[in-house]
């Protein structure tokens, strides 16, 4: 059974109500396609690009974020756990 999170526009599978399906796509209002990939790959790419950091003392420490989706225009999207602000690898 598939579900759809309307807030983050990601398809979810039946294994868990909050588990994204890698590769699922949804057309957003801005006419860009949002997909999900393996979160580990997204975090590794964000750390390599310098968007997030592996250093726990940095403000942009990867452990303070959760992977949300990948967007054609902005790259991987991460939401900060404590204040819910987004950062993107493509910006």
Protein backbone atom coordinates (compact mmCIF):
# COMPACT_ATOMS: atom_id res chain seq x y z
CA UNK A 1 0.00 0.00 0.00
CA UNK A 2 1.39 3.41 -0.96
CA UNK A 3 0.84 6.64 0.92
CA UNK A 4 1.79 10.23 0.25
CA UNK A 5 3.18 12.73 2.73
CA UNK A 6 1.56 15.97 1.59
CA UNK A 7 3.92 18.17 3.59
CA UNK A 8 7.16 16.84 2.06
CA UNK A 9 5.59 15.31 -1.08
CA UNK A 10 7.25 11.89 -0.84
CA UNK A 11 5.64 8.50 -1.45
CA UNK A 12 5.80 6.04 1.44
CA UNK A 13 5.54 2.26 1.43
CA UNK A 14 3.60 -0.23 3.50
CA UNK A 15 6.58 -1.57 5.49
CA UNK A 16 6.41 1.47 7.74
CA UNK A 17 4.20 4.55 7.47
CA UNK A 18 7.31 6.78 7.43
CA UNK A 19 9.71 4.83 5.23
CA UNK A 20 10.38 6.53 1.84
CA UNK A 21 10.41 4.41 -1.29
CA UNK A 22 13.71 5.04 -3.14
CA UNK A 23 13.08 6.29 -6.66
CA UNK A 24 9.45 7.27 -6.06
CA UNK A 25 8.54 10.44 -7.93
CA UNK A 26 5.99 13.17 -7.47
CA UNK A 27 5.45 16.22 -9.64
CA UNK A 28 5.63 19.28 -7.39
CA UNK A 29 3.80 22.58 -7.85
CA UNK A 30 6.99 24.16 -9.25
CA UNK A 31 7.12 21.61 -12.09
CA UNK A 32 10.26 19.91 -10.76
CA UNK A 33 10.43 16.21 -10.07
CA UNK A 34 11.26 15.17 -6.52
CA UNK A 35 12.68 11.71 -5.94
CA UNK A 36 14.16 9.84 -3.02
CA UNK A 37 17.44 7.96 -3.02
CA UNK A 38 19.26 5.97 -0.37
CA UNK A 39 19.67 8.48 2.50
CA UNK A 40 23.22 7.23 3.18
CA UNK A 41 24.22 8.16 -0.39
CA UNK A 42 22.61 11.59 -0.03
CA UNK A 43 24.46 12.28 3.23
CA UNK A 44 27.79 11.14 1.77
CA UNK A 45 27.30 13.40 -1.25
CA UNK A 46 26.34 16.38 0.95
CA UNK A 47 29.44 15.89 3.12
CA UNK A 48 31.67 15.63 0.03
CA UNK A 49 30.18 18.84 -1.38
CA UNK A 50 30.60 20.65 1.94
CA UNK A 51 26.89 21.27 2.45
CA UNK A 52 26.97 19.12 5.59
CA UNK A 53 29.88 18.16 7.83
CA UNK A 54 31.01 14.95 9.54
CA UNK A 55 32.52 17.04 12.37
CA UNK A 56 30.20 17.06 15.41
CA UNK A 57 31.40 20.53 16.44
CA UNK A 58 30.36 22.17 13.14
CA UNK A 59 27.05 24.01 12.92
CA UNK A 60 26.18 22.02 9.78
CA UNK A 61 26.89 18.60 11.38
CA UNK A 62 25.12 15.90 9.35
CA UNK A 63 23.70 14.33 12.52
CA UNK A 64 21.54 17.43 13.01
CA UNK A 65 19.72 16.90 9.71
CA UNK A 66 17.38 14.38 8.13
CA UNK A 67 17.25 13.58 4.42
CA UNK A 68 13.94 14.60 2.84
CA UNK A 69 14.12 14.25 -0.97
CA UNK A 70 16.17 15.01 -4.07
CA UNK A 71 15.01 17.78 -6.38
CA UNK A 72 16.10 18.33 -10.01
CA UNK A 73 16.81 22.03 -9.44
CA UNK A 74 18.20 22.11 -5.90
CA UNK A 75 19.78 18.69 -5.37
CA UNK A 76 19.42 16.79 -2.10
CA UNK A 77 17.20 18.42 0.53
CA UNK A 78 17.93 18.06 4.24
CA UNK A 79 15.81 19.38 7.10
CA UNK A 80 17.45 20.47 10.34
CA UNK A 81 15.96 18.51 13.25
CA UNK A 82 15.78 21.30 15.83
CA UNK A 83 14.46 24.27 13.80
CA UNK A 84 13.11 22.58 10.62
CA UNK A 85 15.07 24.77 8.20
CA UNK A 86 16.13 23.24 4.89
CA UNK A 87 19.53 23.10 3.20
CA UNK A 88 20.11 21.92 -0.37
CA UNK A 89 23.25 20.52 -2.01
CA UNK A 90 22.60 22.35 -5.28
CA UNK A 91 22.23 25.87 -3.87
